All heavy atoms as atom14 arrays in JSON, in Angstrom:
{
  "sequence": "GGGLVQAGGSLRLSCAASGRTFSIYGMGWFRQAPGKEREFVAAISRN",
  "atom14_mask": [
    [1, 1, 1, 1, 0, 0, 0, 0, 0, 0, 0, 0, 0, 0],
    [1, 1, 1, 1, 0, 0, 0, 0, 0, 0, 0, 0, 0, 0],
    [1, 1, 1, 1, 0, 0, 0, 0, 0, 0, 0, 0, 0, 0],
    [1, 1, 1, 1, 1, 1, 1, 1, 0, 0, 0, 0, 0, 0],
    [1, 1, 1, 1, 1, 1, 1, 0, 0, 0, 0, 0, 0, 0],
    [1, 1, 1, 1, 1, 1, 1, 1, 1, 0, 0, 0, 0, 0],
    [1, 1, 1, 1, 1, 0, 0, 0, 0, 0, 0, 0, 0, 0],
    [1, 1, 1, 1, 0, 0, 0, 0, 0, 0, 0, 0, 0, 0],
    [1, 1, 1, 1, 0, 0, 0, 0, 0, 0, 0, 0, 0, 0],
    [1, 1, 1, 1, 1, 1, 0, 0, 0, 0, 0, 0, 0, 0],
    [1, 1, 1, 1, 1, 1, 1, 1, 0, 0, 0, 0, 0, 0],
    [1, 1, 1, 1, 1, 1, 1, 1, 1, 1, 1, 0, 0, 0],
    [1, 1, 1, 1, 1, 1, 1, 1, 0, 0, 0, 0, 0, 0],
    [1, 1, 1, 1, 1, 1, 0, 0, 0, 0, 0, 0, 0, 0],
    [1, 1, 1, 1, 1, 1, 0, 0, 0, 0, 0, 0, 0, 0],
    [1, 1, 1, 1, 1, 0, 0, 0, 0, 0, 0, 0, 0, 0],
    [1, 1, 1, 1, 1, 0, 0, 0, 0, 0, 0, 0, 0, 0],
    [1, 1, 1, 1, 1, 1, 0, 0, 0, 0, 0, 0, 0, 0],
    [1, 1, 1, 1, 0, 0, 0, 0, 0, 0, 0, 0, 0, 0],
    [1, 1, 1, 1, 1, 1, 1, 1, 1, 1, 1, 0, 0, 0],
    [1, 1, 1, 1, 1, 1, 1, 0, 0, 0, 0, 0, 0, 0],
    [1, 1, 1, 1, 1, 1, 1, 1, 1, 1, 1, 0, 0, 0],
    [1, 1, 1, 1, 1, 1, 0, 0, 0, 0, 0, 0, 0, 0],
    [1, 1, 1, 1, 1, 1, 1, 1, 0, 0, 0, 0, 0, 0],
    [1, 1, 1, 1, 1, 1, 1, 1, 1, 1, 1, 1, 0, 0],
    [1, 1, 1, 1, 0, 0, 0, 0, 0, 0, 0, 0, 0, 0],
    [1, 1, 1, 1, 1, 1, 1, 1, 0, 0, 0, 0, 0, 0],
    [1, 1, 1, 1, 0, 0, 0, 0, 0, 0, 0, 0, 0, 0],
    [1, 1, 1, 1, 1, 1, 1, 1, 1, 1, 1, 1, 1, 1],
    [1, 1, 1, 1, 1, 1, 1, 1, 1, 1, 1, 0, 0, 0],
    [1, 1, 1, 1, 1, 1, 1, 1, 1, 1, 1, 0, 0, 0],
    [1, 1, 1, 1, 1, 1, 1, 1, 1, 0, 0, 0, 0, 0],
    [1, 1, 1, 1, 1, 0, 0, 0, 0, 0, 0, 0, 0, 0],
    [1, 1, 1, 1, 1, 1, 1, 0, 0, 0, 0, 0, 0, 0],
    [1, 1, 1, 1, 0, 0, 0, 0, 0, 0, 0, 0, 0, 0],
    [1, 1, 1, 1, 1, 1, 1, 1, 1, 0, 0, 0, 0, 0],
    [1, 1, 1, 1, 1, 1, 1, 1, 1, 0, 0, 0, 0, 0],
    [1, 1, 1, 1, 1, 1, 1, 1, 1, 1, 1, 0, 0, 0],
    [1, 1, 1, 1, 1, 1, 1, 1, 1, 0, 0, 0, 0, 0],
    [1, 1, 1, 1, 1, 1, 1, 1, 1, 1, 1, 0, 0, 0],
    [1, 1, 1, 1, 1, 1, 1, 0, 0, 0, 0, 0, 0, 0],
    [1, 1, 1, 1, 1, 0, 0, 0, 0, 0, 0, 0, 0, 0],
    [1, 1, 1, 1, 1, 0, 0, 0, 0, 0, 0, 0, 0, 0],
    [1, 1, 1, 1, 1, 1, 1, 1, 0, 0, 0, 0, 0, 0],
    [1, 1, 1, 1, 1, 1, 0, 0, 0, 0, 0, 0, 0, 0],
    [1, 1, 1, 1, 1, 1, 1, 1, 1, 1, 1, 0, 0, 0],
    [1, 1, 1, 1, 1, 1, 1, 1, 0, 0, 0, 0, 0, 0]
  ],
  "atom14_positions": [
    [[91.46, 87.7, 104.08], [90.38, 88.34, 103.34], [89.84, 87.55, 102.17], [88.86, 87.96, 101.53], [0.0, 0.0, 0.0], [0.0, 0.0, 0.0], [0.0, 0.0, 0.0], [0.0, 0.0, 0.0], [0.0, 0.0, 0.0], [0.0, 0.0, 0.0], [0.0, 0.0, 0.0], [0.0, 0.0, 0.0], [0.0, 0.0, 0.0], [0.0, 0.0, 0.0]],
    [[90.46, 86.42, 101.88], [89.94, 85.6, 100.79], [88.62, 84.95, 101.17], [88.18, 85.03, 102.31], [0.0, 0.0, 0.0], [0.0, 0.0, 0.0], [0.0, 0.0, 0.0], [0.0, 0.0, 0.0], [0.0, 0.0, 0.0], [0.0, 0.0, 0.0], [0.0, 0.0, 0.0], [0.0, 0.0, 0.0], [0.0, 0.0, 0.0], [0.0, 0.0, 0.0]],
    [[87.99, 84.33, 100.18], [86.72, 83.67, 100.45], [85.99, 83.34, 99.19], [86.56, 83.36, 98.09], [0.0, 0.0, 0.0], [0.0, 0.0, 0.0], [0.0, 0.0, 0.0], [0.0, 0.0, 0.0], [0.0, 0.0, 0.0], [0.0, 0.0, 0.0], [0.0, 0.0, 0.0], [0.0, 0.0, 0.0], [0.0, 0.0, 0.0], [0.0, 0.0, 0.0]],
    [[84.71, 83.02, 99.37], [83.83, 82.65, 98.27], [82.91, 83.82, 97.96], [82.28, 84.37, 98.86], [83.01, 81.42, 98.69], [82.06, 80.82, 97.67], [82.84, 80.2, 96.53], [81.18, 79.76, 98.35], [0.0, 0.0, 0.0], [0.0, 0.0, 0.0], [0.0, 0.0, 0.0], [0.0, 0.0, 0.0], [0.0, 0.0, 0.0], [0.0, 0.0, 0.0]],
    [[82.83, 84.18, 96.69], [82.01, 85.31, 96.29], [81.4, 85.03, 94.92], [81.99, 84.31, 94.11], [82.86, 86.61, 96.27], [83.95, 86.54, 95.23], [82.0, 87.84, 96.08], [0.0, 0.0, 0.0], [0.0, 0.0, 0.0], [0.0, 0.0, 0.0], [0.0, 0.0, 0.0], [0.0, 0.0, 0.0], [0.0, 0.0, 0.0], [0.0, 0.0, 0.0]],
    [[80.24, 85.58, 94.68], [79.61, 85.42, 93.37], [80.22, 86.38, 92.36], [80.76, 87.45, 92.73], [78.11, 85.69, 93.48], [77.34, 84.6, 94.2], [75.84, 84.79, 94.11], [75.36, 85.92, 94.03], [75.09, 83.7, 94.13], [0.0, 0.0, 0.0], [0.0, 0.0, 0.0], [0.0, 0.0, 0.0], [0.0, 0.0, 0.0], [0.0, 0.0, 0.0]],
    [[80.12, 86.01, 91.11], [80.61, 86.88, 90.04], [79.96, 88.25, 90.15], [78.76, 88.36, 90.43], [80.3, 86.26, 88.68], [0.0, 0.0, 0.0], [0.0, 0.0, 0.0], [0.0, 0.0, 0.0], [0.0, 0.0, 0.0], [0.0, 0.0, 0.0], [0.0, 0.0, 0.0], [0.0, 0.0, 0.0], [0.0, 0.0, 0.0], [0.0, 0.0, 0.0]],
    [[80.77, 89.29, 89.96], [80.29, 90.66, 90.11], [80.5, 91.23, 91.5], [80.33, 92.44, 91.7], [0.0, 0.0, 0.0], [0.0, 0.0, 0.0], [0.0, 0.0, 0.0], [0.0, 0.0, 0.0], [0.0, 0.0, 0.0], [0.0, 0.0, 0.0], [0.0, 0.0, 0.0], [0.0, 0.0, 0.0], [0.0, 0.0, 0.0], [0.0, 0.0, 0.0]],
    [[80.85, 90.37, 92.44], [81.05, 90.8, 93.81], [82.43, 91.38, 94.05], [83.24, 91.53, 93.12], [0.0, 0.0, 0.0], [0.0, 0.0, 0.0], [0.0, 0.0, 0.0], [0.0, 0.0, 0.0], [0.0, 0.0, 0.0], [0.0, 0.0, 0.0], [0.0, 0.0, 0.0], [0.0, 0.0, 0.0], [0.0, 0.0, 0.0], [0.0, 0.0, 0.0]],
    [[82.69, 91.68, 95.31], [83.95, 92.31, 95.7], [84.55, 91.61, 96.91], [83.84, 91.01, 97.72], [83.71, 93.78, 96.07], [83.21, 94.51, 94.96], [0.0, 0.0, 0.0], [0.0, 0.0, 0.0], [0.0, 0.0, 0.0], [0.0, 0.0, 0.0], [0.0, 0.0, 0.0], [0.0, 0.0, 0.0], [0.0, 0.0, 0.0], [0.0, 0.0, 0.0]],
    [[85.85, 91.72, 97.0], [86.6, 91.27, 98.18], [87.76, 92.23, 98.39], [88.26, 92.83, 97.43], [87.16, 89.86, 97.98], [86.23, 88.66, 98.12], [86.99, 87.38, 97.75], [85.67, 88.55, 99.53], [0.0, 0.0, 0.0], [0.0, 0.0, 0.0], [0.0, 0.0, 0.0], [0.0, 0.0, 0.0], [0.0, 0.0, 0.0], [0.0, 0.0, 0.0]],
    [[88.18, 92.36, 99.64], [89.39, 93.11, 99.93], [90.36, 92.19, 100.65], [90.07, 91.7, 101.75], [89.12, 94.35, 100.78], [90.35, 95.23, 100.91], [90.12, 96.54, 101.61], [90.18, 96.4, 103.04], [90.54, 97.4, 103.87], [90.86, 98.57, 103.37], [90.53, 97.21, 105.17], [0.0, 0.0, 0.0], [0.0, 0.0, 0.0], [0.0, 0.0, 0.0]],
    [[91.5, 92.0, 100.03], [92.56, 91.22, 100.64], [93.47, 92.14, 101.42], [93.72, 93.27, 101.04], [93.35, 90.48, 99.58], [92.56, 89.59, 98.61], [93.53, 88.86, 97.67], [91.69, 88.62, 99.35], [0.0, 0.0, 0.0], [0.0, 0.0, 0.0], [0.0, 0.0, 0.0], [0.0, 0.0, 0.0], [0.0, 0.0, 0.0], [0.0, 0.0, 0.0]],
    [[93.99, 91.6, 102.51], [94.97, 92.31, 103.32], [96.22, 91.46, 103.45], [96.14, 90.23, 103.45], [94.42, 92.61, 104.71], [93.28, 93.44, 104.65], [0.0, 0.0, 0.0], [0.0, 0.0, 0.0], [0.0, 0.0, 0.0], [0.0, 0.0, 0.0], [0.0, 0.0, 0.0], [0.0, 0.0, 0.0], [0.0, 0.0, 0.0], [0.0, 0.0, 0.0]],
    [[97.34, 92.12, 103.59], [98.61, 91.43, 103.82], [99.34, 92.19, 104.92], [99.76, 93.33, 104.72], [99.43, 91.39, 102.55], [101.1, 90.73, 102.76], [0.0, 0.0, 0.0], [0.0, 0.0, 0.0], [0.0, 0.0, 0.0], [0.0, 0.0, 0.0], [0.0, 0.0, 0.0], [0.0, 0.0, 0.0], [0.0, 0.0, 0.0], [0.0, 0.0, 0.0]],
    [[99.43, 91.55, 106.07], [100.09, 92.16, 107.21], [101.54, 91.72, 107.27], [101.84, 90.52, 107.16], [99.37, 91.78, 108.49], [0.0, 0.0, 0.0], [0.0, 0.0, 0.0], [0.0, 0.0, 0.0], [0.0, 0.0, 0.0], [0.0, 0.0, 0.0], [0.0, 0.0, 0.0], [0.0, 0.0, 0.0], [0.0, 0.0, 0.0], [0.0, 0.0, 0.0]],
    [[102.43, 92.67, 107.46], [103.86, 92.38, 107.5], [104.4, 92.58, 108.9], [104.0, 93.49, 109.63], [104.59, 93.3, 106.53], [0.0, 0.0, 0.0], [0.0, 0.0, 0.0], [0.0, 0.0, 0.0], [0.0, 0.0, 0.0], [0.0, 0.0, 0.0], [0.0, 0.0, 0.0], [0.0, 0.0, 0.0], [0.0, 0.0, 0.0], [0.0, 0.0, 0.0]],
    [[105.33, 91.72, 109.26], [106.0, 91.87, 110.55], [107.15, 92.86, 110.41], [107.56, 93.2, 109.31], [106.54, 90.52, 111.01], [107.55, 90.08, 110.12], [0.0, 0.0, 0.0], [0.0, 0.0, 0.0], [0.0, 0.0, 0.0], [0.0, 0.0, 0.0], [0.0, 0.0, 0.0], [0.0, 0.0, 0.0], [0.0, 0.0, 0.0], [0.0, 0.0, 0.0]],
    [[107.68, 93.3, 111.54], [108.86, 94.14, 111.5], [108.53, 95.62, 111.42], [107.4, 96.02, 111.17], [0.0, 0.0, 0.0], [0.0, 0.0, 0.0], [0.0, 0.0, 0.0], [0.0, 0.0, 0.0], [0.0, 0.0, 0.0], [0.0, 0.0, 0.0], [0.0, 0.0, 0.0], [0.0, 0.0, 0.0], [0.0, 0.0, 0.0], [0.0, 0.0, 0.0]],
    [[109.58, 96.43, 111.64], [109.39, 97.87, 111.7], [109.89, 98.58, 110.45], [109.95, 99.79, 110.42], [110.11, 98.42, 112.92], [109.49, 97.95, 114.23], [110.27, 98.49, 115.43], [111.58, 97.87, 115.52], [112.46, 98.17, 116.47], [112.19, 99.09, 117.35], [113.62, 97.55, 116.49], [0.0, 0.0, 0.0], [0.0, 0.0, 0.0], [0.0, 0.0, 0.0]],
    [[110.29, 97.8, 109.42], [110.86, 98.42, 108.23], [109.99, 98.19, 107.01], [110.47, 98.14, 105.9], [112.27, 97.87, 107.97], [112.18, 96.44, 107.86], [113.2, 98.25, 109.09], [0.0, 0.0, 0.0], [0.0, 0.0, 0.0], [0.0, 0.0, 0.0], [0.0, 0.0, 0.0], [0.0, 0.0, 0.0], [0.0, 0.0, 0.0], [0.0, 0.0, 0.0]],
    [[108.7, 98.05, 107.22], [107.78, 97.75, 106.13], [107.9, 98.77, 105.0], [107.81, 98.41, 103.83], [106.35, 97.72, 106.67], [105.3, 97.48, 105.63], [105.18, 96.26, 105.0], [104.4, 98.49, 105.27], [104.21, 96.03, 104.04], [103.42, 98.27, 104.33], [103.32, 97.04, 103.7], [0.0, 0.0, 0.0], [0.0, 0.0, 0.0], [0.0, 0.0, 0.0]],
    [[108.13, 100.01, 105.33], [108.12, 101.07, 104.33], [109.27, 101.0, 103.35], [109.28, 101.71, 102.35], [108.11, 102.44, 105.01], [109.29, 102.59, 105.79], [0.0, 0.0, 0.0], [0.0, 0.0, 0.0], [0.0, 0.0, 0.0], [0.0, 0.0, 0.0], [0.0, 0.0, 0.0], [0.0, 0.0, 0.0], [0.0, 0.0, 0.0], [0.0, 0.0, 0.0]],
    [[110.26, 100.14, 103.59], [111.37, 100.04, 102.64], [111.09, 99.03, 101.54], [111.86, 98.93, 100.59], [112.69, 99.67, 103.35], [112.68, 98.21, 103.81], [112.98, 100.63, 104.48], [114.04, 97.74, 104.32], [0.0, 0.0, 0.0], [0.0, 0.0, 0.0], [0.0, 0.0, 0.0], [0.0, 0.0, 0.0], [0.0, 0.0, 0.0], [0.0, 0.0, 0.0]],
    [[110.01, 98.27, 101.69], [109.72, 97.22, 100.73], [108.7, 97.67, 99.69], [107.66, 98.22, 100.03], [109.15, 95.99, 101.43], [110.09, 95.32, 102.4], [109.98, 95.56, 103.77], [111.08, 94.46, 101.95], [110.85, 94.94, 104.66], [111.94, 93.84, 102.84], [111.82, 94.1, 104.19], [112.69, 93.48, 105.07], [0.0, 0.0, 0.0], [0.0, 0.0, 0.0]],
    [[109.05, 97.42, 98.43], [108.0, 97.45, 97.43], [107.13, 96.21, 97.62], [107.64, 95.17, 98.02], [0.0, 0.0, 0.0], [0.0, 0.0, 0.0], [0.0, 0.0, 0.0], [0.0, 0.0, 0.0], [0.0, 0.0, 0.0], [0.0, 0.0, 0.0], [0.0, 0.0, 0.0], [0.0, 0.0, 0.0], [0.0, 0.0, 0.0], [0.0, 0.0, 0.0]],
    [[105.85, 96.33, 97.36], [104.94, 95.22, 97.63], [104.19, 94.84, 96.37], [103.86, 95.7, 95.54], [103.95, 95.59, 98.73], [104.58, 95.91, 100.08], [105.47, 94.51, 100.8], [104.12, 93.35, 101.05], [0.0, 0.0, 0.0], [0.0, 0.0, 0.0], [0.0, 0.0, 0.0], [0.0, 0.0, 0.0], [0.0, 0.0, 0.0], [0.0, 0.0, 0.0]],
    [[103.88, 93.57, 96.28], [103.14, 93.1, 95.11], [102.13, 92.03, 95.49], [102.24, 91.42, 96.55], [0.0, 0.0, 0.0], [0.0, 0.0, 0.0], [0.0, 0.0, 0.0], [0.0, 0.0, 0.0], [0.0, 0.0, 0.0], [0.0, 0.0, 0.0], [0.0, 0.0, 0.0], [0.0, 0.0, 0.0], [0.0, 0.0, 0.0], [0.0, 0.0, 0.0]],
    [[101.17, 91.86, 94.62], [100.21, 90.76, 94.72], [100.35, 89.91, 93.45], [100.43, 90.44, 92.33], [98.78, 91.27, 94.81], [98.4, 91.84, 96.13], [98.42, 93.17, 96.51], [97.94, 91.12, 97.28], [98.0, 93.3, 97.81], [97.69, 92.06, 98.31], [97.69, 89.77, 97.55], [97.23, 91.7, 99.58], [97.23, 89.42, 98.8], [97.01, 90.37, 99.79]],
    [[100.35, 88.62, 93.67], [100.37, 87.64, 92.58], [99.25, 86.64, 92.85], [98.7, 86.58, 93.96], [101.71, 86.91, 92.54], [102.86, 87.77, 92.08], [103.42, 88.7, 92.95], [103.37, 87.67, 90.81], [104.47, 89.52, 92.55], [104.42, 88.47, 90.39], [104.96, 89.4, 91.26], [0.0, 0.0, 0.0], [0.0, 0.0, 0.0], [0.0, 0.0, 0.0]],
    [[98.94, 85.85, 91.84], [97.93, 84.81, 92.05], [98.31, 83.58, 91.24], [99.05, 83.66, 90.26], [96.54, 85.31, 91.65], [96.34, 85.51, 90.14], [94.97, 86.11, 89.88], [94.68, 86.2, 88.45], [93.6, 86.78, 87.95], [92.68, 87.32, 88.77], [93.42, 86.82, 86.65], [0.0, 0.0, 0.0], [0.0, 0.0, 0.0], [0.0, 0.0, 0.0]],
    [[97.79, 82.45, 91.68], [98.05, 81.19, 90.99], [96.79, 80.35, 91.0], [96.28, 80.0, 92.08], [99.21, 80.42, 91.63], [99.64, 79.21, 90.84], [100.99, 78.69, 91.29], [101.46, 78.98, 92.38], [101.63, 77.9, 90.44], [0.0, 0.0, 0.0], [0.0, 0.0, 0.0], [0.0, 0.0, 0.0], [0.0, 0.0, 0.0], [0.0, 0.0, 0.0]],
    [[96.3, 80.04, 89.83], [95.15, 79.19, 89.67], [95.62, 77.74, 89.48], [96.75, 77.51, 89.06], [94.31, 79.64, 88.47], [0.0, 0.0, 0.0], [0.0, 0.0, 0.0], [0.0, 0.0, 0.0], [0.0, 0.0, 0.0], [0.0, 0.0, 0.0], [0.0, 0.0, 0.0], [0.0, 0.0, 0.0], [0.0, 0.0, 0.0], [0.0, 0.0, 0.0]],
    [[94.76, 76.77, 89.78], [95.16, 75.36, 89.62], [95.64, 75.08, 88.21], [95.0, 75.44, 87.22], [93.86, 74.61, 89.93], [93.1, 75.51, 90.81], [93.4, 76.9, 90.33], [0.0, 0.0, 0.0], [0.0, 0.0, 0.0], [0.0, 0.0, 0.0], [0.0, 0.0, 0.0], [0.0, 0.0, 0.0], [0.0, 0.0, 0.0], [0.0, 0.0, 0.0]],
    [[96.81, 74.45, 88.11], [97.34, 74.06, 86.83], [97.96, 75.19, 86.04], [98.36, 74.99, 84.89], [0.0, 0.0, 0.0], [0.0, 0.0, 0.0], [0.0, 0.0, 0.0], [0.0, 0.0, 0.0], [0.0, 0.0, 0.0], [0.0, 0.0, 0.0], [0.0, 0.0, 0.0], [0.0, 0.0, 0.0], [0.0, 0.0, 0.0], [0.0, 0.0, 0.0]],
    [[98.04, 76.37, 86.63], [98.61, 77.53, 85.92], [99.8, 78.09, 86.68], [99.98, 77.83, 87.87], [97.54, 78.61, 85.75], [96.39, 78.19, 84.85], [95.46, 79.37, 84.59], [94.34, 78.98, 83.64], [93.45, 80.14, 83.35], [0.0, 0.0, 0.0], [0.0, 0.0, 0.0], [0.0, 0.0, 0.0], [0.0, 0.0, 0.0], [0.0, 0.0, 0.0]],
    [[100.59, 78.86, 85.97], [101.74, 79.5, 86.6], [101.29, 80.7, 87.43], [100.23, 81.28, 87.19], [102.74, 79.94, 85.53], [103.38, 78.8, 84.79], [104.47, 79.27, 83.83], [104.63, 80.49, 83.67], [105.16, 78.41, 83.27], [0.0, 0.0, 0.0], [0.0, 0.0, 0.0], [0.0, 0.0, 0.0], [0.0, 0.0, 0.0], [0.0, 0.0, 0.0]],
    [[102.14, 81.05, 88.38], [101.85, 82.24, 89.18], [101.93, 83.46, 88.28], [102.84, 83.6, 87.47], [102.87, 82.34, 90.31], [102.54, 83.39, 91.34], [103.43, 83.24, 92.57], [103.21, 81.95, 93.24], [103.7, 81.66, 94.44], [104.42, 82.56, 95.1], [103.5, 80.47, 94.97], [0.0, 0.0, 0.0], [0.0, 0.0, 0.0], [0.0, 0.0, 0.0]],
    [[100.95, 84.37, 88.43], [100.93, 85.54, 87.57], [100.83, 86.82, 88.4], [100.27, 86.84, 89.49], [99.75, 85.48, 86.58], [98.38, 85.56, 87.19], [97.28, 85.71, 86.15], [97.57, 86.15, 85.02], [96.13, 85.41, 86.5], [0.0, 0.0, 0.0], [0.0, 0.0, 0.0], [0.0, 0.0, 0.0], [0.0, 0.0, 0.0], [0.0, 0.0, 0.0]],
    [[101.37, 87.86, 87.83], [101.37, 89.17, 88.46], [99.96, 89.75, 88.47], [99.22, 89.64, 87.5], [102.3, 90.09, 87.67], [102.24, 91.53, 88.07], [102.75, 91.95, 89.29], [101.67, 92.47, 87.23], [102.7, 93.28, 89.65], [101.61, 93.79, 87.58], [102.12, 94.21, 88.8], [0.0, 0.0, 0.0], [0.0, 0.0, 0.0], [0.0, 0.0, 0.0]],
    [[99.63, 90.4, 89.59], [98.34, 91.07, 89.71], [98.53, 92.58, 89.82], [98.0, 93.35, 89.02], [97.56, 90.55, 90.94], [96.28, 91.35, 91.15], [97.26, 89.07, 90.79], [0.0, 0.0, 0.0], [0.0, 0.0, 0.0], [0.0, 0.0, 0.0], [0.0, 0.0, 0.0], [0.0, 0.0, 0.0], [0.0, 0.0, 0.0], [0.0, 0.0, 0.0]],
    [[99.28, 93.01, 90.82], [99.46, 94.45, 91.06], [100.68, 94.65, 91.94], [101.09, 93.75, 92.67], [98.22, 95.04, 91.72], [0.0, 0.0, 0.0], [0.0, 0.0, 0.0], [0.0, 0.0, 0.0], [0.0, 0.0, 0.0], [0.0, 0.0, 0.0], [0.0, 0.0, 0.0], [0.0, 0.0, 0.0], [0.0, 0.0, 0.0], [0.0, 0.0, 0.0]],
    [[101.23, 95.87, 91.88], [102.36, 96.21, 92.73], [102.27, 97.67, 93.12], [101.64, 98.48, 92.44], [103.67, 95.94, 91.99], [0.0, 0.0, 0.0], [0.0, 0.0, 0.0], [0.0, 0.0, 0.0], [0.0, 0.0, 0.0], [0.0, 0.0, 0.0], [0.0, 0.0, 0.0], [0.0, 0.0, 0.0], [0.0, 0.0, 0.0], [0.0, 0.0, 0.0]],
    [[102.93, 97.98, 94.23], [102.92, 99.35, 94.74], [104.3, 99.68, 95.26], [104.97, 98.84, 95.87], [101.82, 99.51, 95.82], [101.64, 100.97, 96.21], [102.1, 98.63, 97.04], [100.36, 101.22, 97.01], [0.0, 0.0, 0.0], [0.0, 0.0, 0.0], [0.0, 0.0, 0.0], [0.0, 0.0, 0.0], [0.0, 0.0, 0.0], [0.0, 0.0, 0.0]],
    [[104.74, 100.91, 95.03], [106.06, 101.33, 95.46], [106.12, 101.54, 96.97], [105.09, 101.53, 97.66], [106.46, 102.61, 94.73], [105.53, 103.65, 95.01], [0.0, 0.0, 0.0], [0.0, 0.0, 0.0], [0.0, 0.0, 0.0], [0.0, 0.0, 0.0], [0.0, 0.0, 0.0], [0.0, 0.0, 0.0], [0.0, 0.0, 0.0], [0.0, 0.0, 0.0]],
    [[107.3, 101.78, 97.45], [107.52, 101.85, 98.9], [106.62, 102.86, 99.61], [106.1, 102.62, 100.69], [108.98, 102.2, 99.19], [109.95, 101.16, 98.69], [111.32, 101.37, 99.26], [111.86, 102.7, 99.0], [113.02, 103.12, 99.49], [113.75, 102.31, 100.25], [113.46, 104.32, 99.22], [0.0, 0.0, 0.0], [0.0, 0.0, 0.0], [0.0, 0.0, 0.0]],
    [[106.47, 104.03, 98.98], [105.67, 105.08, 99.64], [104.25, 105.15, 99.09], [103.51, 106.07, 99.42], [106.36, 106.44, 99.49], [106.42, 106.89, 98.05], [106.0, 106.18, 97.13], [106.93, 108.09, 97.83], [0.0, 0.0, 0.0], [0.0, 0.0, 0.0], [0.0, 0.0, 0.0], [0.0, 0.0, 0.0], [0.0, 0.0, 0.0], [0.0, 0.0, 0.0]]
  ]
}
């Protein structure tokens, strides 16, 4: 779902997981810009 977008625009990222136990994992999104450390974006609990 990543790509090129103008400022003010929108994107929806998706993350598909393998396996049948996806619901037991807490999930998070992080990001890393060039020359910077990886940073937290958002997280969601198992349910």
